[in-house]
Amino acid sequence: MRRKIPSTTALIAFESAARHQSFTRAAEELALTQSAICRQIAGLEEFLNVELFRRSRRGVQLTEAGLSYARRVAAQLDAVERDTLAVMGQQGAMSIELAVVPTFGTQWLLPRLKDFQRLHPQVTVNLTNRTRPFLFADTQFDAAVYFGDADWSGTASHRLMRENPMPVCSPTLLDGQSALSAEGIAGLPLLQQTTRPYAWRQWFASLGLNVPRDMSGPRYELFSMLAQAAMHEMGVALIPPFLIQRELAEGRLVLALEHACNSDKAYYLMIPERKVESAALQSFRDWLVRQARDYSRESGLE
């Protein structure tokens, strides 16, 4: 069955004209004549049976349909370009497209990847931020590191480590004290994390406390955002110390109270069942599980 897809030439001409809001500038960018751009876009409009631009003596302007289509076409052309460059860059080498929760990826995984590259120089690991589960079949990802439980349909899970977060804040909030009490922390603004809405409730419960406002406070999606907010004296944040080692070492953040809440969830490496036999993924899995096990043992996260 023939696909209902316009010519790539027409789409490229349309994307450029839409981005510049000008046929003339699109022609300059693509090294074509203005009349060639006009023909390509007219042919695309005929193919779609939709007006993409309004023409006037002042120039051209996208219609609502044209604006919506331009955004989608641009995203798809970018994706095709990325895939093309990836294939061109492989040249016989193996690569792993890894989705990873952002702060864990930048603060814990990236500093260790050099060791994996030394051991497996033929395998390239590409990282992309993802904070929530997704369908592997709908993406280009070969595996994912995420925080939660092992219940991800159609995957093989490999447990890495727990979080065990502690309350941290700017040293200014300690007001000269070495630490705060749990009741003192409860009286300060509590910085919340979007993906862990019950974190403070669980932390206070581990001390036998019931704090009515434990879910109140500004919400941030990433630990890196929480850390920045805490450093700017906006409140107290619950963050695993291993994700903010530099900030703690430099004194920009301090432990408000040295009490960790043992998390019931953990970081996992998730590999789709259809890819578990991949040699590159097996090498990466063995290396990552070993790194996490050794670090957990050294840091008391087991």
C-alpha atoms as a PDB file:
ATOM      1  CA  MET A   1       0.000   0.000   0.000  1.00  0.00           C
ATOM      2  CA  ARG A   2       1.441   3.358  -1.042  1.00  0.00           C
ATOM      3  CA  ARG A   3       2.085   5.723   1.865  1.00  0.00           C
ATOM      4  CA  LYS A   4       0.417   9.130   1.945  1.00  0.00           C
ATOM      5  CA  ILE A   5       3.675  11.071   2.297  1.00  0.00           C
ATOM      6  CA  PRO A   6       4.675  14.231   0.386  1.00  0.00           C
ATOM      7  CA  SER A   7       8.076  14.535  -1.247  1.00  0.00           C
ATOM      8  CA  THR A   8      10.988  15.238   1.066  1.00  0.00           C
ATOM      9  CA  THR A   9      11.996  18.181  -1.132  1.00  0.00           C
ATOM     10  CA  ALA A  10       8.605  19.816  -0.614  1.00  0.00           C
ATOM     11  CA  LEU A  11       8.726  19.260   3.136  1.00  0.00           C
ATOM     12  CA  ILE A  12      12.215  20.744   3.432  1.00  0.00           C
ATOM     13  CA  ALA A  13      11.142  23.777   1.403  1.00  0.00           C
ATOM     14  CA  PHE A  14       8.029  24.197   3.538  1.00  0.00           C
ATOM     15  CA  GLU A  15       9.920  23.869   6.840  1.00  0.00           C
ATOM     16  CA  SER A  16      12.431  26.513   5.806  1.00  0.00           C
ATOM     17  CA  ALA A  17       9.763  28.919   4.510  1.00  0.00           C
ATOM     18  CA  ALA A  18       7.686  28.397   7.664  1.00  0.00           C
ATOM     19  CA  ARG A  19      10.684  29.025   9.913  1.00  0.00           C
ATOM     20  CA  HIS A  20      11.645  32.221   8.105  1.00  0.00           C
ATOM     21  CA  GLN A  21       8.074  33.284   7.240  1.00  0.00           C
ATOM     22  CA  SER A  22       9.575  34.077   3.832  1.00  0.00           C
ATOM     23  CA  PHE A  23       9.879  32.271   0.505  1.00  0.00           C
ATOM     24  CA  THR A  24      12.832  34.485  -0.409  1.00  0.00           C
ATOM     25  CA  ARG A  25      14.876  33.616   2.685  1.00  0.00           C
ATOM     26  CA  ALA A  26      13.996  29.926   2.281  1.00  0.00           C
ATOM     27  CA  ALA A  27      15.303  30.077  -1.284  1.00  0.00           C
ATOM     28  CA  GLU A  28      18.554  31.676  -0.080  1.00  0.00           C
ATOM     29  CA  GLU A  29      18.991  29.062   2.651  1.00  0.00           C
ATOM     30  CA  LEU A  30      18.394  26.117   0.315  1.00  0.00           C
ATOM     31  CA  ALA A  31      20.273  27.602  -2.671  1.00  0.00           C
ATOM     32  CA  LEU A  32      17.147  27.516  -4.849  1.00  0.00           C
ATOM     33  CA  THR A  33      15.176  30.138  -6.715  1.00  0.00           C
ATOM     34  CA  GLN A  34      12.142  31.755  -5.125  1.00  0.00           C
ATOM     35  CA  SER A  35       9.965  30.345  -7.892  1.00  0.00           C
ATOM     36  CA  ALA A  36      11.213  26.830  -7.051  1.00  0.00           C
ATOM     37  CA  ILE A  37      10.169  27.317  -3.422  1.00  0.00           C
ATOM     38  CA  CYS A  38       6.787  28.602  -4.543  1.00  0.00           C
ATOM     39  CA  ARG A  39       6.260  25.551  -6.767  1.00  0.00           C
ATOM     40  CA  GLN A  40       7.240  23.113  -4.015  1.00  0.00           C
ATOM     41  CA  ILE A  41       4.880  24.684  -1.481  1.00  0.00           C
ATOM     42  CA  ALA A  42       2.037  25.015  -3.988  1.00  0.00           C
ATOM     43  CA  GLY A  43       2.458  21.326  -4.811  1.00  0.00           C
ATOM     44  CA  LEU A  44       2.435  20.477  -1.101  1.00  0.00           C
ATOM     45  CA  GLU A  45      -0.764  22.474  -0.548  1.00  0.00           C
ATOM     46  CA  GLU A  46      -2.364  20.697  -3.494  1.00  0.00           C
ATOM     47  CA  PHE A  47      -1.252  17.327  -2.111  1.00  0.00           C
ATOM     48  CA  LEU A  48      -2.713  18.163   1.321  1.00  0.00           C
ATOM     49  CA  ASN A  49      -5.710  20.061  -0.033  1.00  0.00           C
ATOM     50  CA  VAL A  50      -4.945  22.598   2.706  1.00  0.00           C
ATOM     51  CA  GLU A  51      -3.785  26.221   2.499  1.00  0.00           C
ATOM     52  CA  LEU A  52      -0.529  26.514   4.446  1.00  0.00           C
ATOM     53  CA  PHE A  53       0.311  30.181   3.762  1.00  0.00           C
ATOM     54  CA  ARG A  54      -1.667  33.354   3.202  1.00  0.00           C
ATOM     55  CA  ARG A  55      -0.120  35.368   0.387  1.00  0.00           C
ATOM     56  CA  SER A  56      -0.232  39.151   0.257  1.00  0.00           C
ATOM     57  CA  ARG A  57       1.786  42.008  -1.196  1.00  0.00           C
ATOM     58  CA  ARG A  58       3.658  42.212   2.115  1.00  0.00           C
ATOM     59  CA  GLY A  59       4.765  38.588   1.927  1.00  0.00           C
ATOM     60  CA  VAL A  60       3.488  35.300   3.331  1.00  0.00           C
ATOM     61  CA  GLN A  61       2.075  34.272   6.690  1.00  0.00           C
ATOM     62  CA  LEU A  62       1.319  30.802   8.012  1.00  0.00           C
ATOM     63  CA  THR A  63      -2.292  29.801   8.436  1.00  0.00           C
ATOM     64  CA  GLU A  64      -3.314  27.993  11.621  1.00  0.00           C
ATOM     65  CA  ALA A  65      -3.127  24.689   9.759  1.00  0.00           C
ATOM     66  CA  GLY A  66       0.253  25.684   8.358  1.00  0.00           C
ATOM     67  CA  LEU A  67       1.621  26.582  11.802  1.00  0.00           C
ATOM     68  CA  SER A  68       0.510  23.267  13.276  1.00  0.00           C
ATOM     69  CA  TYR A  69       1.885  21.280  10.331  1.00  0.00           C
ATOM     70  CA  ALA A  70       5.179  23.206  10.375  1.00  0.00           C
ATOM     71  CA  ARG A  71       5.847  22.255  13.998  1.00  0.00           C
ATOM     72  CA  ARG A  72       5.257  18.581  13.274  1.00  0.00           C
ATOM     73  CA  VAL A  73       7.249  18.541  10.058  1.00  0.00           C
ATOM     74  CA  ALA A  74      10.206  20.267  11.752  1.00  0.00           C
ATOM     75  CA  ALA A  75      10.226  17.683  14.536  1.00  0.00           C
ATOM     76  CA  GLN A  76      10.112  14.787  12.073  1.00  0.00           C
ATOM     77  CA  LEU A  77      12.860  16.227   9.867  1.00  0.00           C
ATOM     78  CA  ASP A  78      15.040  16.724  12.954  1.00  0.00           C
ATOM     79  CA  ALA A  79      14.444  13.098  13.918  1.00  0.00           C
ATOM     80  CA  VAL A  80      15.356  11.839  10.442  1.00  0.00           C
ATOM     81  CA  GLU A  81      18.542  13.939  10.513  1.00  0.00           C
ATOM     82  CA  ARG A  82      19.515  12.586  13.942  1.00  0.00           C
ATOM     83  CA  ASP A  83      18.945   9.000  12.811  1.00  0.00           C
ATOM     84  CA  THR A  84      20.934   9.587   9.639  1.00  0.00           C
ATOM     85  CA  LEU A  85      23.876  11.096  11.517  1.00  0.00           C
ATOM     86  CA  ALA A  86      23.765   8.226  14.008  1.00  0.00           C
ATOM     87  CA  VAL A  87      23.996   5.634  11.239  1.00  0.00           C
ATOM     88  CA  MET A  88      26.773   7.577   9.507  1.00  0.00           C
ATOM     89  CA  GLY A  89      28.711   7.839  12.747  1.00  0.00           C
ATOM     90  CA  GLN A  90      28.544   4.174  13.669  1.00  0.00           C
ATOM     91  CA  GLN A  91      30.786   2.806  10.914  1.00  0.00           C
ATOM     92  CA  GLY A  92      30.592  -0.733  12.254  1.00  0.00           C
ATOM     93  CA  ALA A  93      30.636   0.239  15.938  1.00  0.00           C
ATOM     94  CA  MET A  94      27.839  -0.625  18.378  1.00  0.00           C
ATOM     95  CA  SER A  95      25.779   1.987  20.178  1.00  0.00           C
ATOM     96  CA  ILE A  96      23.301   2.035  23.056  1.00  0.00           C
ATOM     97  CA  GLU A  97      20.523   4.604  23.228  1.00  0.00           C
ATOM     98  CA  LEU A  98      19.907   4.963  26.969  1.00  0.00           C
ATOM     99  CA  ALA A  99      17.053   6.884  28.566  1.00  0.00           C
ATOM    100  CA  VAL A 100      18.104   8.030  32.013  1.00  0.00           C
ATOM    101  CA  VAL A 101      16.632  10.077  34.862  1.00  0.00           C
ATOM    102  CA  PRO A 102      18.483  13.403  34.590  1.00  0.00           C
ATOM    103  CA  THR A 103      20.284  14.051  37.891  1.00  0.00           C
ATOM    104  CA  PHE A 104      21.303  10.410  38.325  1.00  0.00           C
ATOM    105  CA  GLY A 105      22.651  10.473  34.780  1.00  0.00           C
ATOM    106  CA  THR A 106      24.716  13.640  35.161  1.00  0.00           C
ATOM    107  CA  GLN A 107      25.866  13.263  38.783  1.00  0.00           C
ATOM    108  CA  TRP A 108      26.417   9.514  39.148  1.00  0.00           C
ATOM    109  CA  LEU A 109      26.483   7.748  35.775  1.00  0.00           C
ATOM    110  CA  LEU A 110      28.391  10.157  33.540  1.00  0.00           C
ATOM    111  CA  PRO A 111      31.478  10.405  35.793  1.00  0.00           C
ATOM    112  CA  ARG A 112      31.792   6.591  35.577  1.00  0.00           C
ATOM    113  CA  LEU A 113      31.175   6.110  31.853  1.00  0.00           C
ATOM    114  CA  LYS A 114      34.819   6.668  31.025  1.00  0.00           C
ATOM    115  CA  ASP A 115      35.551   3.337  32.712  1.00  0.00           C
ATOM    116  CA  PHE A 116      32.992   1.578  30.503  1.00  0.00           C
ATOM    117  CA  GLN A 117      34.473   3.195  27.388  1.00  0.00           C
ATOM    118  CA  ARG A 118      37.929   2.002  28.439  1.00  0.00           C
ATOM    119  CA  LEU A 119      36.677  -1.562  28.829  1.00  0.00           C
ATOM    120  CA  HIS A 120      34.435  -1.544  25.746  1.00  0.00           C
ATOM    121  CA  PRO A 121      35.790   0.996  23.230  1.00  0.00           C
ATOM    122  CA  GLN A 122      33.622  -0.469  20.460  1.00  0.00           C
ATOM    123  CA  VAL A 123      30.373   0.499  22.264  1.00  0.00           C
ATOM    124  CA  THR A 124      29.065   4.064  22.370  1.00  0.00           C
ATOM    125  CA  VAL A 125      26.497   4.987  25.041  1.00  0.00           C
ATOM    126  CA  ASN A 126      24.189   7.890  24.159  1.00  0.00           C
ATOM    127  CA  LEU A 127      22.172   9.445  27.000  1.00  0.00           C
ATOM    128  CA  THR A 128      18.765  11.133  26.800  1.00  0.00           C
ATOM    129  CA  ASN A 129      16.781  12.499  29.743  1.00  0.00           C
ATOM    130  CA  ARG A 130      13.501  10.781  30.584  1.00  0.00           C
ATOM    131  CA  THR A 131      11.817  11.103  33.980  1.00  0.00           C
ATOM    132  CA  ARG A 132       8.904   8.686  33.534  1.00  0.00           C
ATOM    133  CA  PRO A 133       8.276   5.233  32.010  1.00  0.00           C
ATOM    134  CA  PHE A 134       7.377   4.970  28.328  1.00  0.00           C
ATOM    135  CA  LEU A 135       6.718   2.359  25.661  1.00  0.00           C
ATOM    136  CA  PHE A 136      10.015   1.148  24.208  1.00  0.00           C
ATOM    137  CA  ALA A 137       8.251   0.272  20.956  1.00  0.00           C
ATOM    138  CA  ASP A 138       7.423   3.959  20.432  1.00  0.00           C
ATOM    139  CA  THR A 139      10.990   5.203  20.907  1.00  0.00           C
ATOM    140  CA  GLN A 140      14.551   4.642  19.716  1.00  0.00           C
ATOM    141  CA  PHE A 141      15.749   3.615  23.185  1.00  0.00           C
ATOM    142  CA  ASP A 142      17.571   0.332  23.804  1.00  0.00           C
ATOM    143  CA  ALA A 143      17.368   0.538  27.614  1.00  0.00           C
ATOM    144  CA  ALA A 144      16.453   2.900  30.437  1.00  0.00           C
ATOM    145  CA  VAL A 145      17.626   3.802  33.916  1.00  0.00           C
ATOM    146  CA  TYR A 146      14.694   4.985  35.993  1.00  0.00           C
ATOM    147  CA  PHE A 147      13.582   5.272  39.604  1.00  0.00           C
ATOM    148  CA  GLY A 148      10.593   3.266  40.781  1.00  0.00           C
ATOM    149  CA  ASP A 149       9.799  -0.399  41.057  1.00  0.00           C
ATOM    150  CA  ALA A 150      10.519  -3.294  38.735  1.00  0.00           C
ATOM    151  CA  ASP A 151       6.991  -3.366  37.298  1.00  0.00           C
ATOM    152  CA  TRP A 152       7.624  -2.286  33.690  1.00  0.00           C
ATOM    153  CA  SER A 153       5.811  -4.528  31.265  1.00  0.00           C
ATOM    154  CA  GLY A 154       7.845  -6.255  28.572  1.00  0.00           C
ATOM    155  CA  THR A 155      11.227  -5.594  30.147  1.00  0.00           C
ATOM    156  CA  ALA A 156      13.942  -7.351  32.128  1.00  0.00           C
ATOM    157  CA  SER A 157      14.778  -5.336  35.250  1.00  0.00           C
ATOM    158  CA  HIS A 158      18.126  -5.070  37.037  1.00  0.00           C
ATOM    159  CA  ARG A 159      18.184  -3.372  40.431  1.00  0.00           C
ATOM    160  CA  LEU A 160      20.933  -0.804  40.893  1.00  0.00           C
ATOM    161  CA  MET A 161      20.593   1.108  44.180  1.00  0.00           C
ATOM    162  CA  ARG A 162      18.248   2.830  46.600  1.00  0.00           C
ATOM    163  CA  GLU A 163      18.118   6.591  47.161  1.00  0.00           C
ATOM    164  CA  ASN A 164      17.869   7.031  50.965  1.00  0.00           C
ATOM    165  CA  PRO A 165      17.336  10.831  50.791  1.00  0.00           C
ATOM    166  CA  MET A 166      18.270  13.246  53.578  1.00  0.00           C
ATOM    167  CA  PRO A 167      17.084  16.818  54.268  1.00  0.00           C
ATOM    168  CA  VAL A 168      19.517  19.448  52.980  1.00  0.00           C
ATOM    169  CA  CYS A 169      19.489  23.215  52.940  1.00  0.00           C
ATOM    170  CA  SER A 170      21.643  26.312  52.682  1.00  0.00           C
ATOM    171  CA  PRO A 171      23.939  26.696  55.723  1.00  0.00           C
ATOM    172  CA  THR A 172      22.233  30.058  56.283  1.00  0.00           C
ATOM    173  CA  LEU A 173      19.032  28.276  57.341  1.00  0.00           C
ATOM    174  CA  LEU A 174      20.889  26.485  60.148  1.00  0.00           C
ATOM    175  CA  ASP A 175      21.406  29.895  61.772  1.00  0.00           C
ATOM    176  CA  GLY A 176      24.627  28.830  63.451  1.00  0.00           C
ATOM    177  CA  GLN A 177      23.366  25.423  64.583  1.00  0.00           C
ATOM    178  CA  SER A 178      25.088  22.182  63.627  1.00  0.00           C
ATOM    179  CA  ALA A 179      21.724  20.632  62.726  1.00  0.00           C
ATOM    180  CA  LEU A 180      17.983  21.173  63.001  1.00  0.00           C
ATOM    181  CA  SER A 181      15.393  19.041  64.739  1.00  0.00           C
ATOM    182  CA  ALA A 182      12.730  17.310  62.694  1.00  0.00           C
ATOM    183  CA  GLU A 183      10.195  19.712  64.227  1.00  0.00           C
ATOM    184  CA  GLY A 184      12.380  22.637  63.181  1.00  0.00           C
ATOM    185  CA  ILE A 185      12.530  21.322  59.623  1.00  0.00           C
ATOM    186  CA  ALA A 186       8.743  20.961  59.613  1.00  0.00           C
ATOM    187  CA  GLY A 187       8.485  24.679  60.317  1.00  0.00           C
ATOM    188  CA  LEU A 188      10.517  25.650  57.267  1.00  0.00           C
ATOM    189  CA  PRO A 189       9.378  25.713  53.629  1.00  0.00           C
ATOM    190  CA  LEU A 190       9.468  22.140  52.321  1.00  0.00           C
ATOM    191  CA  LEU A 191      10.678  21.853  48.739  1.00  0.00           C
ATOM    192  CA  GLN A 192       8.722  19.120  46.954  1.00  0.00           C
ATOM    193  CA  GLN A 193       9.671  16.891  44.036  1.00  0.00           C
ATOM    194  CA  THR A 194       7.021  16.278  41.399  1.00  0.00           C
ATOM    195  CA  THR A 195       7.880  12.618  40.828  1.00  0.00           C
ATOM    196  CA  ARG A 196       8.048  11.811  44.570  1.00  0.00           C
ATOM    197  CA  PRO A 197       4.987  13.577  46.026  1.00  0.00           C
ATOM    198  CA  TYR A 198       5.002  11.619  49.312  1.00  0.00           C
ATOM    199  CA  ALA A 199       8.731  11.906  50.041  1.00  0.00           C
ATOM    200  CA  TRP A 200       8.418  14.303  52.975  1.00  0.00           C
ATOM    201  CA  ARG A 201       5.482  12.376  54.444  1.00  0.00           C
ATOM    202  CA  GLN A 202       7.538   9.185  54.384  1.00  0.00           C
ATOM    203  CA  TRP A 203      10.560  10.933  55.877  1.00  0.00           C
ATOM    204  CA  PHE A 204       8.602  12.436  58.776  1.00  0.00           C
ATOM    205  CA  ALA A 205       6.772   9.105  59.322  1.00  0.00           C
ATOM    206  CA  SER A 206      10.133   7.349  59.668  1.00  0.00           C
ATOM    207  CA  LEU A 207      10.652   9.570  62.744  1.00  0.00           C
ATOM    208  CA  GLY A 208       7.149   8.948  64.077  1.00  0.00           C
ATOM    209  CA  LEU A 209       5.910  12.420  63.153  1.00  0.00           C
ATOM    210  CA  ASN A 210       2.678  13.490  61.484  1.00  0.00           C
ATOM    211  CA  VAL A 211       3.163  16.877  59.816  1.00  0.00           C
ATOM    212  CA  PRO A 212      -0.048  18.338  58.350  1.00  0.00           C
ATOM    213  CA  ARG A 213       1.746  20.456  55.733  1.00  0.00           C
ATOM    214  CA  ASP A 214       4.159  17.758  54.597  1.00  0.00           C
ATOM    215  CA  MET A 215       2.921  17.959  50.984  1.00  0.00           C
ATOM    216  CA  SER A 216       2.868  21.758  50.786  1.00  0.00           C
ATOM    217  CA  GLY A 217       5.542  23.817  49.126  1.00  0.00           C
ATOM    218  CA  PRO A 218       6.876  24.613  45.646  1.00  0.00           C
ATOM    219  CA  ARG A 219       7.304  21.610  43.373  1.00  0.00           C
ATOM    220  CA  TYR A 220      10.250  20.861  41.096  1.00  0.00           C
ATOM    221  CA  GLU A 221      10.701  17.961  38.702  1.00  0.00           C
ATOM    222  CA  LEU A 222      14.429  17.315  39.080  1.00  0.00           C
ATOM    223  CA  PHE A 223      16.820  16.876  42.003  1.00  0.00           C
ATOM    224  CA  SER A 224      19.100  19.438  40.352  1.00  0.00           C
ATOM    225  CA  MET A 225      16.264  21.979  40.583  1.00  0.00           C
ATOM    226  CA  LEU A 226      15.664  21.096  44.231  1.00  0.00           C
ATOM    227  CA  ALA A 227      19.364  21.542  44.961  1.00  0.00           C
ATOM    228  CA  GLN A 228      19.410  24.973  43.325  1.00  0.00           C
ATOM    229  CA  ALA A 229      16.317  26.080  45.237  1.00  0.00           C
ATOM    230  CA  ALA A 230      17.807  24.867  48.514  1.00  0.00           C
ATOM    231  CA  MET A 231      21.109  26.639  47.847  1.00  0.00           C
ATOM    232  CA  HIS A 232      19.162  29.856  47.291  1.00  0.00           C
ATOM    233  CA  GLU A 233      17.613  29.557  50.777  1.00  0.00           C
ATOM    234  CA  MET A 234      14.134  28.796  49.461  1.00  0.00           C
ATOM    235  CA  GLY A 235      13.617  25.908  51.889  1.00  0.00           C
ATOM    236  CA  VAL A 236      14.688  22.385  52.798  1.00  0.00           C
ATOM    237  CA  ALA A 237      14.918  19.627  50.180  1.00  0.00           C
ATOM    238  CA  LEU A 238      15.033  15.848  50.436  1.00  0.00           C
ATOM    239  CA  ILE A 239      17.904  14.707  48.203  1.00  0.00           C
ATOM    240  CA  PRO A 240      20.082  11.572  48.181  1.00  0.00           C
ATOM    241  CA  PRO A 241      23.546  12.776  49.269  1.00  0.00           C
ATOM    242  CA  PHE A 242      25.278  10.843  46.477  1.00  0.00           C
ATOM    243  CA  LEU A 243      23.608  13.173  43.931  1.00  0.00           C
ATOM    244  CA  ILE A 244      24.968  16.368  45.539  1.00  0.00           C
ATOM    245  CA  GLN A 245      28.442  15.359  46.700  1.00  0.00           C
ATOM    246  CA  ARG A 246      30.105  18.439  45.218  1.00  0.00           C
ATOM    247  CA  GLU A 247      27.578  20.839  46.754  1.00  0.00           C
ATOM    248  CA  LEU A 248      28.031  19.205  50.164  1.00  0.00           C
ATOM    249  CA  ALA A 249      31.836  19.148  49.898  1.00  0.00           C
ATOM    250  CA  GLU A 250      31.928  22.847  48.971  1.00  0.00           C
ATOM    251  CA  GLY A 251      29.528  23.788  51.769  1.00  0.00           C
ATOM    252  CA  ARG A 252      26.882  25.216  49.457  1.00  0.00           C
ATOM    253  CA  LEU A 253      24.473  22.649  50.923  1.00  0.00           C
ATOM    254  CA  VAL A 254      24.529  21.054  54.376  1.00  0.00           C
ATOM    255  CA  LEU A 255      22.609  18.245  56.009  1.00  0.00           C
ATOM    256  CA  ALA A 256      19.797  19.784  58.013  1.00  0.00           C
ATOM    257  CA  LEU A 257      19.497  16.526  59.976  1.00  0.00           C
ATOM    258  CA  GLU A 258      21.515  13.374  59.393  1.00  0.00           C
ATOM    259  CA  HIS A 259      18.586  11.020  59.072  1.00  0.00           C
ATOM    260  CA  ALA A 260      17.872   9.010  55.933  1.00  0.00           C
ATOM    261  CA  CYS A 261      14.534   7.575  54.962  1.00  0.00           C
ATOM    262  CA  ASN A 262      15.026   4.104  53.498  1.00  0.00           C
ATOM    263  CA  SER A 263      13.205   4.293  50.192  1.00  0.00           C
ATOM    264  CA  ASP A 264      10.957   1.412  49.172  1.00  0.00           C
ATOM    265  CA  LYS A 265      11.825   2.018  45.517  1.00  0.00           C
ATOM    266  CA  ALA A 266      15.147   1.967  43.700  1.00  0.00           C
ATOM    267  CA  TYR A 267      17.006   2.790  40.510  1.00  0.00           C
ATOM    268  CA  TYR A 268      16.699   0.067  37.893  1.00  0.00           C
ATOM    269  CA  LEU A 269      18.194  -0.682  34.519  1.00  0.00           C
ATOM    270  CA  MET A 270      15.321  -1.750  32.278  1.00  0.00           C
ATOM    271  CA  ILE A 271      15.994  -3.641  29.040  1.00  0.00           C
ATOM    272  CA  PRO A 272      13.215  -4.626  26.608  1.00  0.00           C
ATOM    273  CA  GLU A 273      12.841  -8.395  26.445  1.00  0.00           C
ATOM    274  CA  ARG A 274      13.428  -8.327  22.685  1.00  0.00           C
ATOM    275  CA  LYS A 275      16.902  -6.850  23.236  1.00  0.00           C
ATOM    276  CA  VAL A 276      18.226  -8.872  26.172  1.00  0.00           C
ATOM    277  CA  GLU A 277      20.459 -10.919  23.854  1.00  0.00           C
ATOM    278  CA  SER A 278      22.289  -7.848  22.573  1.00  0.00           C
ATOM    279  CA  ALA A 279      26.011  -8.217  23.246  1.00  0.00           C
ATOM    280  CA  ALA A 280      26.444  -4.471  23.780  1.00  0.00           C
ATOM    281  CA  LEU A 281      23.584  -4.316  26.270  1.00  0.00           C
ATOM    282  CA  GLN A 282      24.852  -7.374  28.120  1.00  0.00           C
ATOM    283  CA  SER A 283      28.264  -5.747  28.514  1.00  0.00           C
ATOM    284  CA  PHE A 284      26.702  -2.499  29.698  1.00  0.00           C
ATOM    285  CA  ARG A 285      24.316  -4.314  32.068  1.00  0.00           C
ATOM    286  CA  ASP A 286      27.108  -6.301  33.718  1.00  0.00           C
ATOM    287  CA  TRP A 287      29.284  -3.213  34.091  1.00  0.00           C
ATOM    288  CA  LEU A 288      26.492  -0.971  35.451  1.00  0.00           C
ATOM    289  CA  VAL A 289      25.186  -3.543  37.947  1.00  0.00           C
ATOM    290  CA  ARG A 290      28.727  -4.097  39.214  1.00  0.00           C
ATOM    291  CA  GLN A 291      29.354  -0.340  39.539  1.00  0.00           C
ATOM    292  CA  ALA A 292      26.109   0.155  41.455  1.00  0.00           C
ATOM    293  CA  ARG A 293      26.744  -2.837  43.732  1.00  0.00           C
ATOM    294  CA  ASP A 294      30.249  -1.657  44.618  1.00  0.00           C
ATOM    295  CA  TYR A 295      29.100   1.907  45.237  1.00  0.00           C
ATOM    296  CA  SER A 296      26.142   0.815  47.364  1.00  0.00           C
ATOM    297  CA  ARG A 297      28.419  -1.345  49.480  1.00  0.00           C
ATOM    298  CA  GLU A 298      30.912   1.479  49.988  1.00  0.00           C
ATOM    299  CA  SER A 299      28.217   4.083  50.742  1.00  0.00           C
ATOM    300  CA  GLY A 300      25.905   1.975  52.884  1.00  0.00           C
ATOM    301  CA  LEU A 301      23.009   2.175  50.416  1.00  0.00           C
ATOM    302  CA  GLU A 302      22.352  -1.584  50.361  1.00  0.00           C
END
